[in-house]
């Protein structure tokens, strides 16, 4: 259906969709045809529509911490497990980012602050998306809630190890090269653009 104007109207126990000045397609393949209409009405009985609004404490994501803990002790609900794991993971996520700050703040000589900044942004996006993926898997019951804690403990261990290496001025070459890659990409783009500008017009 394509129409220039569409309006929803509530009339008693009916919800009406009113379309004006449009076309609709009928049939399939070679038998498909287009019909024009000046006015088209669709009525939906309101009794067939089931709308539900969750009140606070009625669903795991709306429960307070105490309510959620009691609910977990009496129900095997993967959504509640995922919500509990998410709430525990948020403060630890901040601590993990804090310990990653020193290793990522060390700027390679050539790339400068921009390389470290881009590396930090890439790391933040990767860790955040990993947390979202784990939350989705837990809420669907495919993995246990412990998996999010295990992954974060691993991330924290890595951050502490990099912090220690940064204090000893022995950061892994891979981390330093991630910043240098920005410099190399920047130089490659300048080289390509310079060659195009210097080449004679046909």
N, C-alpha and C. Protein backbone atom coordinates (compact mmCIF):
# COMPACT_ATOMS: atom_id res chain seq x y z
N UNK A 1 0.84 -1.19 0.00
CA UNK A 1 0.00 0.00 0.00
C UNK A 1 0.88 1.25 0.00
N UNK A 2 0.59 2.16 -0.90
CA UNK A 2 1.24 3.47 -0.94
C UNK A 2 0.14 4.52 -0.95
N UNK A 3 0.26 5.50 -0.07
CA UNK A 3 -0.79 6.51 0.02
C UNK A 3 -0.17 7.87 0.35
N UNK A 4 -0.84 8.92 -0.09
CA UNK A 4 -0.37 10.27 0.21
C UNK A 4 -0.64 10.67 1.65
N UNK A 5 -1.65 10.02 2.25
CA UNK A 5 -2.04 10.41 3.61
C UNK A 5 -2.59 9.20 4.36
N UNK A 6 -2.26 9.09 5.62
CA UNK A 6 -2.78 8.01 6.44
C UNK A 6 -3.10 8.52 7.84
N UNK A 7 -4.23 8.09 8.38
CA UNK A 7 -4.68 8.57 9.69
C UNK A 7 -5.22 7.39 10.50
N UNK A 8 -4.85 7.32 11.77
CA UNK A 8 -5.44 6.36 12.70
C UNK A 8 -6.56 7.04 13.47
N UNK A 9 -7.70 6.34 13.58
CA UNK A 9 -8.83 6.88 14.33
C UNK A 9 -9.40 5.79 15.23
N UNK A 10 -9.77 6.18 16.43
CA UNK A 10 -10.39 5.25 17.38
C UNK A 10 -11.88 5.54 17.42
N UNK A 11 -12.68 4.56 17.03
CA UNK A 11 -14.14 4.73 17.03
C UNK A 11 -14.75 3.62 17.87
N UNK A 12 -15.11 3.94 19.11
CA UNK A 12 -15.69 2.93 20.00
C UNK A 12 -14.67 1.84 20.29
N UNK A 13 -15.01 0.60 19.94
CA UNK A 13 -14.12 -0.54 20.16
C UNK A 13 -13.36 -0.92 18.89
N UNK A 14 -13.24 0.03 17.96
CA UNK A 14 -12.55 -0.23 16.70
C UNK A 14 -11.40 0.78 16.53
N UNK A 15 -10.28 0.28 16.01
CA UNK A 15 -9.18 1.14 15.60
C UNK A 15 -9.16 1.16 14.09
N UNK A 16 -9.34 2.34 13.49
CA UNK A 16 -9.48 2.44 12.05
C UNK A 16 -8.25 3.12 11.45
N UNK A 17 -7.73 2.52 10.38
CA UNK A 17 -6.66 3.11 9.58
C UNK A 17 -7.30 3.60 8.29
N UNK A 18 -7.18 4.91 8.05
CA UNK A 18 -7.78 5.52 6.87
C UNK A 18 -6.66 6.02 5.95
N UNK A 19 -6.59 5.44 4.74
CA UNK A 19 -5.60 5.84 3.75
C UNK A 19 -6.31 6.60 2.63
N UNK A 20 -5.67 7.65 2.15
CA UNK A 20 -6.27 8.47 1.09
C UNK A 20 -5.30 8.63 -0.08
N UNK A 21 -5.88 8.56 -1.29
CA UNK A 21 -5.16 8.83 -2.55
C UNK A 21 -3.89 7.98 -2.65
N UNK A 22 -4.09 6.70 -2.96
CA UNK A 22 -2.94 5.81 -3.04
C UNK A 22 -3.16 4.66 -4.01
N UNK A 23 -2.25 3.71 -3.93
CA UNK A 23 -2.31 2.52 -4.78
C UNK A 23 -1.99 1.29 -3.94
N UNK A 24 -2.44 0.13 -4.40
CA UNK A 24 -2.09 -1.12 -3.75
C UNK A 24 -1.84 -2.18 -4.81
N UNK A 25 -0.96 -3.11 -4.50
CA UNK A 25 -0.63 -4.18 -5.44
C UNK A 25 -1.40 -5.44 -5.08
N UNK A 26 -1.86 -6.16 -6.11
CA UNK A 26 -2.56 -7.42 -5.94
C UNK A 26 -1.93 -8.47 -6.84
N UNK A 27 -1.99 -9.73 -6.39
CA UNK A 27 -1.50 -10.84 -7.22
C UNK A 27 0.01 -11.02 -7.12
N UNK A 28 0.52 -11.99 -7.91
CA UNK A 28 1.93 -12.31 -7.92
C UNK A 28 2.43 -12.49 -9.35
N UNK A 29 3.72 -12.24 -9.53
CA UNK A 29 4.35 -12.46 -10.82
C UNK A 29 3.67 -11.71 -11.95
N UNK A 30 3.35 -12.46 -13.05
CA UNK A 30 2.74 -11.82 -14.22
C UNK A 30 1.31 -11.38 -13.94
N UNK A 31 0.68 -11.96 -12.94
CA UNK A 31 -0.70 -11.61 -12.63
C UNK A 31 -0.81 -10.42 -11.66
N UNK A 32 0.32 -9.82 -11.34
CA UNK A 32 0.27 -8.68 -10.42
C UNK A 32 -0.30 -7.45 -11.11
N UNK A 33 -1.12 -6.74 -10.38
CA UNK A 33 -1.73 -5.52 -10.94
C UNK A 33 -1.77 -4.45 -9.85
N UNK A 34 -1.85 -3.20 -10.31
CA UNK A 34 -1.88 -2.06 -9.41
C UNK A 34 -3.26 -1.42 -9.45
N UNK A 35 -3.84 -1.21 -8.28
CA UNK A 35 -5.16 -0.60 -8.18
C UNK A 35 -5.05 0.73 -7.45
N UNK A 36 -5.70 1.72 -8.02
CA UNK A 36 -5.72 3.04 -7.38
C UNK A 36 -6.95 3.16 -6.50
N UNK A 37 -6.83 3.94 -5.43
CA UNK A 37 -8.00 4.20 -4.57
C UNK A 37 -7.92 5.63 -4.06
N UNK A 38 -9.11 6.20 -3.87
CA UNK A 38 -9.20 7.54 -3.27
C UNK A 38 -9.26 7.45 -1.75
N UNK A 39 -9.88 6.35 -1.26
CA UNK A 39 -9.98 6.19 0.18
C UNK A 39 -10.03 4.70 0.51
N UNK A 40 -9.24 4.28 1.48
CA UNK A 40 -9.19 2.87 1.86
C UNK A 40 -9.22 2.78 3.38
N UNK A 41 -10.13 1.94 3.90
CA UNK A 41 -10.31 1.84 5.34
C UNK A 41 -10.02 0.42 5.82
N UNK A 42 -9.32 0.34 6.95
CA UNK A 42 -9.06 -0.94 7.61
C UNK A 42 -9.46 -0.78 9.06
N UNK A 43 -10.34 -1.67 9.55
CA UNK A 43 -10.80 -1.61 10.94
C UNK A 43 -10.24 -2.79 11.72
N UNK A 44 -9.73 -2.53 12.91
CA UNK A 44 -9.18 -3.56 13.79
C UNK A 44 -9.91 -3.49 15.12
N UNK A 45 -10.56 -4.58 15.56
CA UNK A 45 -11.21 -4.58 16.87
C UNK A 45 -10.19 -4.41 17.99
N UNK A 46 -10.41 -3.46 18.88
CA UNK A 46 -9.48 -3.20 19.97
C UNK A 46 -9.38 -4.38 20.92
N UNK A 47 -10.39 -5.20 20.98
CA UNK A 47 -10.35 -6.36 21.86
C UNK A 47 -9.30 -7.37 21.45
N UNK A 48 -8.88 -7.34 20.17
CA UNK A 48 -7.88 -8.28 19.69
C UNK A 48 -6.46 -7.80 19.97
N UNK A 49 -6.31 -6.53 20.36
CA UNK A 49 -4.99 -5.99 20.65
C UNK A 49 -4.67 -6.20 22.11
N UNK A 50 -3.56 -6.82 22.39
CA UNK A 50 -3.16 -7.07 23.77
C UNK A 50 -1.90 -6.26 24.06
N UNK A 51 -2.05 -5.20 24.81
CA UNK A 51 -0.93 -4.34 25.19
C UNK A 51 -0.66 -4.53 26.68
N UNK A 52 0.62 -4.64 27.03
CA UNK A 52 0.98 -4.84 28.42
C UNK A 52 2.14 -3.93 28.78
N UNK A 53 1.98 -3.18 29.85
CA UNK A 53 3.05 -2.32 30.34
C UNK A 53 3.58 -2.90 31.64
N UNK A 54 4.90 -3.13 31.66
CA UNK A 54 5.50 -3.70 32.85
C UNK A 54 5.69 -2.62 33.91
N UNK A 55 5.22 -2.91 35.11
CA UNK A 55 5.42 -2.01 36.23
C UNK A 55 6.77 -2.32 36.88
N UNK A 56 7.26 -1.38 37.69
CA UNK A 56 8.53 -1.60 38.35
C UNK A 56 8.46 -2.83 39.25
N UNK A 57 9.44 -3.70 39.09
CA UNK A 57 9.49 -4.91 39.89
C UNK A 57 8.75 -6.08 39.29
N UNK A 58 8.08 -5.87 38.15
CA UNK A 58 7.31 -6.95 37.53
C UNK A 58 8.16 -7.77 36.58
N UNK A 59 9.21 -7.19 36.03
CA UNK A 59 10.08 -7.86 35.06
C UNK A 59 11.52 -7.71 35.54
N UNK A 60 12.40 -8.70 35.27
CA UNK A 60 13.77 -8.64 35.81
C UNK A 60 14.51 -7.33 35.56
N UNK A 61 14.34 -6.75 34.37
CA UNK A 61 15.08 -5.52 34.07
C UNK A 61 14.54 -4.32 34.84
N UNK A 62 13.35 -4.43 35.43
CA UNK A 62 12.79 -3.31 36.19
C UNK A 62 12.88 -3.52 37.70
N UNK A 63 13.44 -4.66 38.13
CA UNK A 63 13.49 -4.97 39.56
C UNK A 63 14.66 -4.25 40.23
N UNK A 64 14.47 -3.92 41.50
CA UNK A 64 15.57 -3.44 42.32
C UNK A 64 16.50 -4.62 42.64
N UNK A 65 17.69 -4.31 43.15
CA UNK A 65 18.69 -5.35 43.37
C UNK A 65 18.18 -6.45 44.30
N UNK A 66 17.53 -6.06 45.41
CA UNK A 66 17.00 -7.06 46.34
C UNK A 66 15.91 -7.91 45.73
N UNK A 67 15.02 -7.27 44.97
CA UNK A 67 13.95 -8.02 44.30
C UNK A 67 14.52 -9.00 43.29
N UNK A 68 15.52 -8.56 42.54
CA UNK A 68 16.11 -9.41 41.52
C UNK A 68 16.81 -10.61 42.16
N UNK A 69 17.50 -10.40 43.27
CA UNK A 69 18.19 -11.49 43.95
C UNK A 69 17.19 -12.53 44.48
N UNK A 70 16.09 -12.06 45.07
CA UNK A 70 15.07 -13.00 45.56
C UNK A 70 14.42 -13.74 44.40
N UNK A 71 14.21 -13.05 43.29
CA UNK A 71 13.61 -13.68 42.11
C UNK A 71 14.53 -14.77 41.56
N UNK A 72 15.84 -14.50 41.56
CA UNK A 72 16.80 -15.49 41.07
C UNK A 72 16.82 -16.74 41.93
N UNK A 73 16.59 -16.57 43.24
CA UNK A 73 16.62 -17.71 44.14
C UNK A 73 15.39 -18.61 44.02
N UNK A 74 14.34 -18.10 43.37
CA UNK A 74 13.11 -18.88 43.25
C UNK A 74 12.73 -19.21 41.82
N UNK A 75 13.45 -18.66 40.83
CA UNK A 75 13.11 -18.89 39.42
C UNK A 75 14.37 -19.20 38.63
N UNK A 76 14.24 -20.09 37.66
CA UNK A 76 15.30 -20.38 36.70
C UNK A 76 15.01 -19.58 35.43
N UNK A 77 15.34 -18.31 35.46
CA UNK A 77 15.03 -17.41 34.36
C UNK A 77 16.33 -16.87 33.77
N UNK A 78 16.67 -17.23 32.52
CA UNK A 78 17.93 -16.74 31.93
C UNK A 78 17.96 -15.22 31.77
N UNK A 79 16.79 -14.60 31.57
CA UNK A 79 16.75 -13.13 31.46
C UNK A 79 17.18 -12.49 32.77
N UNK A 80 16.70 -13.05 33.89
CA UNK A 80 17.08 -12.53 35.21
C UNK A 80 18.56 -12.75 35.47
N UNK A 81 19.08 -13.92 35.07
CA UNK A 81 20.50 -14.20 35.24
C UNK A 81 21.36 -13.22 34.43
N UNK A 82 20.92 -12.93 33.21
CA UNK A 82 21.65 -11.99 32.37
C UNK A 82 21.61 -10.58 32.96
N UNK A 83 20.47 -10.20 33.51
CA UNK A 83 20.34 -8.87 34.12
C UNK A 83 21.22 -8.75 35.35
N UNK A 84 21.28 -9.81 36.18
CA UNK A 84 22.13 -9.79 37.37
C UNK A 84 23.61 -9.71 36.98
N UNK A 85 24.00 -10.49 35.96
CA UNK A 85 25.39 -10.46 35.49
C UNK A 85 25.74 -9.09 34.92
N UNK A 86 24.80 -8.47 34.22
CA UNK A 86 25.06 -7.15 33.65
C UNK A 86 25.28 -6.11 34.74
N UNK A 87 24.47 -6.15 35.79
CA UNK A 87 24.61 -5.16 36.87
C UNK A 87 25.92 -5.34 37.62
N UNK A 88 26.37 -6.57 37.79
CA UNK A 88 27.65 -6.80 38.44
C UNK A 88 28.82 -6.40 37.52
N UNK A 89 28.61 -6.54 36.22
CA UNK A 89 29.70 -6.29 35.27
C UNK A 89 29.98 -4.81 35.07
N UNK A 90 28.98 -3.94 35.23
CA UNK A 90 29.16 -2.52 34.94
C UNK A 90 30.25 -1.87 35.79
N UNK A 91 30.22 -2.00 37.13
CA UNK A 91 31.30 -1.36 37.91
C UNK A 91 32.67 -1.96 37.62
N UNK A 92 32.74 -3.29 37.40
CA UNK A 92 34.02 -3.92 37.09
C UNK A 92 34.54 -3.46 35.73
N UNK A 93 33.63 -3.15 34.80
CA UNK A 93 34.02 -2.67 33.48
C UNK A 93 34.77 -1.34 33.60
N UNK A 94 34.31 -0.48 34.51
CA UNK A 94 35.00 0.81 34.73
C UNK A 94 36.41 0.57 35.27
N UNK A 95 36.55 -0.37 36.21
CA UNK A 95 37.87 -0.69 36.77
C UNK A 95 38.80 -1.23 35.68
N UNK A 96 38.27 -2.08 34.80
CA UNK A 96 39.08 -2.64 33.72
C UNK A 96 39.60 -1.53 32.80
N UNK A 97 38.72 -0.61 32.43
CA UNK A 97 39.13 0.50 31.57
C UNK A 97 40.18 1.37 32.25
N UNK A 98 40.07 1.53 33.57
CA UNK A 98 41.04 2.33 34.32
C UNK A 98 42.44 1.73 34.20
N UNK A 99 42.56 0.41 34.33
CA UNK A 99 43.88 -0.22 34.26
C UNK A 99 44.41 -0.31 32.84
N UNK A 100 43.53 -0.21 31.85
CA UNK A 100 44.00 -0.15 30.47
C UNK A 100 44.51 1.24 30.11
N UNK A 101 44.18 2.26 30.94
CA UNK A 101 44.48 3.65 30.59
C UNK A 101 45.97 3.90 30.45
N UNK A 102 46.78 3.43 31.41
CA UNK A 102 48.22 3.70 31.36
C UNK A 102 48.89 3.06 30.14
N UNK A 103 48.68 1.77 29.88
CA UNK A 103 49.33 1.19 28.69
C UNK A 103 48.94 1.89 27.39
N UNK A 104 47.66 2.31 27.29
CA UNK A 104 47.21 2.93 26.04
C UNK A 104 47.59 4.40 25.95
N UNK A 105 47.96 5.01 27.08
CA UNK A 105 48.31 6.43 27.05
C UNK A 105 49.74 6.66 26.58
N UNK A 106 50.55 5.60 26.54
CA UNK A 106 51.92 5.74 26.07
C UNK A 106 51.91 5.87 24.56
N UNK A 107 52.32 7.05 24.08
CA UNK A 107 52.20 7.35 22.65
C UNK A 107 53.45 6.92 21.90
N UNK A 108 53.29 6.15 20.84
CA UNK A 108 54.45 5.88 19.97
C UNK A 108 54.99 7.19 19.41
N UNK A 109 56.29 7.24 19.15
CA UNK A 109 56.92 8.50 18.76
C UNK A 109 56.35 9.07 17.48
N UNK A 110 56.10 8.22 16.49
CA UNK A 110 55.68 8.74 15.19
C UNK A 110 54.20 9.05 15.14
N UNK A 111 53.35 8.19 15.72
CA UNK A 111 51.91 8.39 15.60
C UNK A 111 51.39 9.43 16.58
N UNK A 112 52.10 9.68 17.69
CA UNK A 112 51.67 10.68 18.65
C UNK A 112 50.41 10.26 19.39
N UNK A 113 49.68 11.27 19.90
CA UNK A 113 48.49 10.99 20.71
C UNK A 113 47.36 10.37 19.89
N UNK A 114 47.32 10.69 18.60
CA UNK A 114 46.21 10.19 17.77
C UNK A 114 46.22 8.67 17.71
N UNK A 115 47.39 8.07 17.59
CA UNK A 115 47.47 6.61 17.52
C UNK A 115 46.96 5.96 18.79
N UNK A 116 47.37 6.51 19.96
CA UNK A 116 46.91 5.97 21.24
C UNK A 116 45.41 6.17 21.41
N UNK A 117 44.90 7.32 20.97
CA UNK A 117 43.47 7.59 21.09
C UNK A 117 42.65 6.60 20.28
N UNK A 118 43.06 6.36 19.03
CA UNK A 118 42.32 5.44 18.17
C UNK A 118 42.41 4.01 18.70
N UNK A 119 43.57 3.64 19.24
CA UNK A 119 43.70 2.31 19.83
C UNK A 119 42.77 2.15 21.02
N UNK A 120 42.70 3.19 21.86
CA UNK A 120 41.80 3.15 23.02
C UNK A 120 40.34 3.06 22.62
N UNK A 121 39.95 3.81 21.59
CA UNK A 121 38.56 3.76 21.11
C UNK A 121 38.23 2.37 20.57
N UNK A 122 39.17 1.80 19.81
CA UNK A 122 38.95 0.45 19.26
C UNK A 122 38.80 -0.57 20.38
N UNK A 123 39.62 -0.45 21.42
CA UNK A 123 39.53 -1.38 22.55
C UNK A 123 38.21 -1.23 23.29
N UNK A 124 37.79 0.02 23.50
CA UNK A 124 36.51 0.27 24.18
C UNK A 124 35.35 -0.34 23.42
N UNK A 125 35.33 -0.15 22.10
CA UNK A 125 34.25 -0.70 21.27
C UNK A 125 34.27 -2.23 21.33
N UNK A 126 35.47 -2.82 21.27
CA UNK A 126 35.57 -4.28 21.29
C UNK A 126 35.07 -4.85 22.62
N UNK A 127 35.50 -4.27 23.74
CA UNK A 127 35.08 -4.77 25.05
C UNK A 127 33.59 -4.57 25.27
N UNK A 128 33.06 -3.43 24.83
CA UNK A 128 31.63 -3.15 25.03
C UNK A 128 30.77 -4.10 24.21
N UNK A 129 31.18 -4.33 22.96
CA UNK A 129 30.39 -5.24 22.12
C UNK A 129 30.49 -6.68 22.60
N UNK A 130 31.64 -7.06 23.16
CA UNK A 130 31.77 -8.39 23.74
C UNK A 130 30.82 -8.56 24.92
N UNK A 131 30.67 -7.50 25.73
CA UNK A 131 29.76 -7.56 26.87
C UNK A 131 28.31 -7.67 26.41
N UNK A 132 27.95 -6.94 25.36
CA UNK A 132 26.59 -7.02 24.82
C UNK A 132 26.31 -8.41 24.26
N UNK A 133 27.29 -9.00 23.56
CA UNK A 133 27.12 -10.33 22.98
C UNK A 133 26.92 -11.38 24.08
N UNK A 134 27.73 -11.28 25.14
CA UNK A 134 27.59 -12.22 26.25
C UNK A 134 26.23 -12.07 26.92
N UNK A 135 25.79 -10.83 27.12
CA UNK A 135 24.48 -10.59 27.74
C UNK A 135 23.36 -11.23 26.92
N UNK A 136 23.45 -11.10 25.60
CA UNK A 136 22.42 -11.68 24.74
C UNK A 136 22.44 -13.20 24.81
N UNK A 137 23.63 -13.79 24.81
CA UNK A 137 23.74 -15.25 24.88
C UNK A 137 23.21 -15.78 26.21
N UNK A 138 23.49 -15.07 27.31
CA UNK A 138 23.00 -15.49 28.62
C UNK A 138 21.48 -15.39 28.69
N UNK A 139 20.93 -14.29 28.20
CA UNK A 139 19.47 -14.10 28.25
C UNK A 139 18.72 -15.11 27.41
N UNK A 140 19.38 -15.69 26.40
CA UNK A 140 18.76 -16.72 25.57
C UNK A 140 19.00 -18.12 26.13
N UNK A 141 19.72 -18.20 27.25
CA UNK A 141 19.97 -19.49 27.88
C UNK A 141 21.01 -20.34 27.20
N UNK A 142 21.81 -19.77 26.31
CA UNK A 142 22.80 -20.55 25.58
C UNK A 142 24.08 -20.76 26.39
N UNK A 143 24.42 -19.81 27.27
CA UNK A 143 25.59 -19.96 28.14
C UNK A 143 25.19 -19.52 29.55
N UNK A 144 25.98 -19.87 30.53
CA UNK A 144 25.69 -19.52 31.91
C UNK A 144 26.11 -18.09 32.24
N UNK A 145 25.54 -17.56 33.32
CA UNK A 145 25.85 -16.19 33.73
C UNK A 145 27.30 -16.06 34.19
N UNK A 146 27.92 -17.17 34.60
CA UNK A 146 29.31 -17.13 35.06
C UNK A 146 30.26 -16.73 33.93
N UNK A 147 29.85 -16.92 32.67
CA UNK A 147 30.74 -16.65 31.54
C UNK A 147 31.12 -15.17 31.47
N UNK A 148 30.17 -14.27 31.80
CA UNK A 148 30.48 -12.85 31.76
C UNK A 148 31.52 -12.50 32.81
N UNK A 149 31.39 -13.07 34.01
CA UNK A 149 32.38 -12.82 35.06
C UNK A 149 33.73 -13.39 34.68
N UNK A 150 33.75 -14.57 34.06
CA UNK A 150 35.02 -15.19 33.67
C UNK A 150 35.74 -14.35 32.62
N UNK A 151 34.98 -13.84 31.65
CA UNK A 151 35.59 -13.00 30.60
C UNK A 151 36.13 -11.72 31.21
N UNK A 152 35.39 -11.11 32.14
CA UNK A 152 35.86 -9.86 32.73
C UNK A 152 37.08 -10.07 33.61
N UNK A 153 37.15 -11.20 34.29
CA UNK A 153 38.35 -11.51 35.08
C UNK A 153 39.57 -11.64 34.15
N UNK A 154 39.36 -12.26 33.00
CA UNK A 154 40.43 -12.35 32.01
C UNK A 154 40.85 -10.99 31.49
N UNK A 155 39.87 -10.11 31.22
CA UNK A 155 40.18 -8.75 30.76
C UNK A 155 40.94 -7.98 31.83
N UNK A 156 40.53 -8.13 33.09
CA UNK A 156 41.20 -7.44 34.18
C UNK A 156 42.63 -7.94 34.34
N UNK A 157 42.84 -9.25 34.22
CA UNK A 157 44.19 -9.80 34.31
C UNK A 157 45.08 -9.26 33.19
N UNK A 158 44.53 -9.15 31.98
CA UNK A 158 45.29 -8.59 30.86
C UNK A 158 45.64 -7.13 31.11
N UNK A 159 44.67 -6.36 31.61
CA UNK A 159 44.92 -4.95 31.88
C UNK A 159 45.99 -4.77 32.95
N UNK A 160 45.96 -5.58 34.01
CA UNK A 160 46.96 -5.49 35.07
C UNK A 160 48.35 -5.88 34.56
N UNK A 161 48.39 -6.89 33.69
CA UNK A 161 49.65 -7.32 33.12
C UNK A 161 50.25 -6.23 32.24
N UNK A 162 49.41 -5.58 31.41
CA UNK A 162 49.88 -4.48 30.56
C UNK A 162 50.32 -3.29 31.40
N UNK A 163 49.59 -3.03 32.49
CA UNK A 163 49.97 -1.93 33.39
C UNK A 163 51.37 -2.18 33.95
N UNK A 164 51.61 -3.42 34.39
CA UNK A 164 52.92 -3.77 34.95
C UNK A 164 54.00 -3.64 33.90
N UNK A 165 53.73 -4.08 32.69
CA UNK A 165 54.71 -3.98 31.60
C UNK A 165 54.98 -2.52 31.23
N UNK A 166 53.93 -1.68 31.32
CA UNK A 166 54.11 -0.26 31.02
C UNK A 166 55.01 0.39 32.05
N UNK A 167 54.87 0.01 33.33
CA UNK A 167 55.73 0.55 34.37
C UNK A 167 57.19 0.15 34.15
N UNK A 168 57.40 -1.01 33.58
CA UNK A 168 58.76 -1.50 33.31
C UNK A 168 59.27 -1.05 31.94
N UNK A 169 58.44 -0.28 31.22
CA UNK A 169 58.76 0.17 29.87
C UNK A 169 59.05 -1.00 28.94
N UNK A 170 58.20 -2.03 29.06
CA UNK A 170 58.34 -3.23 28.25
C UNK A 170 57.01 -3.63 27.65
N UNK A 171 56.32 -2.68 27.06
CA UNK A 171 55.03 -2.99 26.45
C UNK A 171 55.21 -3.95 25.27
N UNK A 172 54.25 -4.85 25.06
CA UNK A 172 54.35 -5.77 23.91
C UNK A 172 54.41 -5.00 22.59
N UNK A 173 55.14 -5.55 21.65
CA UNK A 173 55.30 -4.90 20.36
C UNK A 173 53.97 -4.74 19.63
N UNK A 174 53.06 -5.70 19.86
CA UNK A 174 51.76 -5.63 19.18
C UNK A 174 51.01 -4.37 19.58
N UNK A 175 51.04 -4.02 20.86
CA UNK A 175 50.34 -2.83 21.33
C UNK A 175 50.96 -1.57 20.76
N UNK A 176 52.27 -1.53 20.70
CA UNK A 176 52.94 -0.36 20.13
C UNK A 176 52.66 -0.25 18.63
N UNK A 177 52.62 -1.38 17.93
CA UNK A 177 52.36 -1.35 16.50
C UNK A 177 50.94 -0.91 16.18
N UNK A 178 50.00 -1.14 17.12
CA UNK A 178 48.62 -0.69 16.88
C UNK A 178 48.57 0.82 16.76
N UNK A 179 49.38 1.52 17.56
CA UNK A 179 49.45 2.97 17.42
C UNK A 179 50.21 3.39 16.18
N UNK A 180 51.30 2.67 15.88
CA UNK A 180 52.09 2.99 14.70
C UNK A 180 51.29 2.77 13.41
N UNK A 181 50.31 1.84 13.45
CA UNK A 181 49.53 1.56 12.24
C UNK A 181 48.76 2.80 11.80
N UNK A 182 48.34 3.65 12.76
CA UNK A 182 47.64 4.88 12.38
C UNK A 182 48.58 5.79 11.59
N UNK A 183 49.82 5.88 12.05
CA UNK A 183 50.80 6.71 11.34
C UNK A 183 51.05 6.18 9.93
N UNK A 184 51.20 4.85 9.82
CA UNK A 184 51.46 4.26 8.51
C UNK A 184 50.28 4.45 7.57
N UNK A 185 49.06 4.29 8.09
CA UNK A 185 47.87 4.50 7.26
C UNK A 185 47.77 5.95 6.82
N UNK A 186 48.09 6.87 7.73
CA UNK A 186 48.05 8.29 7.41
C UNK A 186 49.06 8.63 6.31
N UNK A 187 50.27 8.09 6.42
CA UNK A 187 51.28 8.35 5.41
C UNK A 187 50.90 7.73 4.06
N UNK A 188 50.28 6.55 4.10
CA UNK A 188 49.87 5.89 2.85
C UNK A 188 48.81 6.72 2.13
N UNK A 189 47.85 7.26 2.90
CA UNK A 189 46.81 8.09 2.29
C UNK A 189 47.39 9.36 1.70
N UNK A 190 48.32 9.99 2.43
CA UNK A 190 48.96 11.20 1.90
C UNK A 190 49.72 10.90 0.63
N UNK A 191 50.38 9.75 0.58
CA UNK A 191 51.13 9.36 -0.61
C UNK A 191 50.20 9.15 -1.80
N UNK A 192 49.09 8.46 -1.57
CA UNK A 192 48.13 8.21 -2.65
C UNK A 192 47.52 9.51 -3.16
N UNK A 193 47.10 10.37 -2.23
CA UNK A 193 46.50 11.64 -2.64
C UNK A 193 47.51 12.52 -3.36
N UNK A 194 48.78 12.51 -2.89
CA UNK A 194 49.81 13.31 -3.54
C UNK A 194 50.08 12.86 -4.96
N UNK A 195 50.08 11.54 -5.19
CA UNK A 195 50.31 11.02 -6.54
C UNK A 195 49.17 11.40 -7.47
N UNK A 196 47.93 11.39 -6.96
CA UNK A 196 46.80 11.75 -7.82
C UNK A 196 46.83 13.22 -8.19
N UNK A 197 47.22 14.06 -7.22
CA UNK A 197 47.27 15.49 -7.50
C UNK A 197 48.41 15.85 -8.45
N UNK A 198 49.51 15.08 -8.38
CA UNK A 198 50.66 15.37 -9.24
C UNK A 198 50.50 14.81 -10.65
N UNK A 199 49.63 13.81 -10.79
CA UNK A 199 49.48 13.19 -12.12
C UNK A 199 48.77 14.16 -13.06
N UNK A 200 49.23 14.27 -14.32
CA UNK A 200 48.62 15.20 -15.29
C UNK A 200 47.20 14.77 -15.66
N UNK A 201 46.36 15.73 -15.92
CA UNK A 201 44.98 15.45 -16.32
C UNK A 201 44.96 14.88 -17.73
N UNK A 202 44.07 13.94 -18.03
CA UNK A 202 44.03 13.35 -19.39
C UNK A 202 43.48 14.36 -20.38
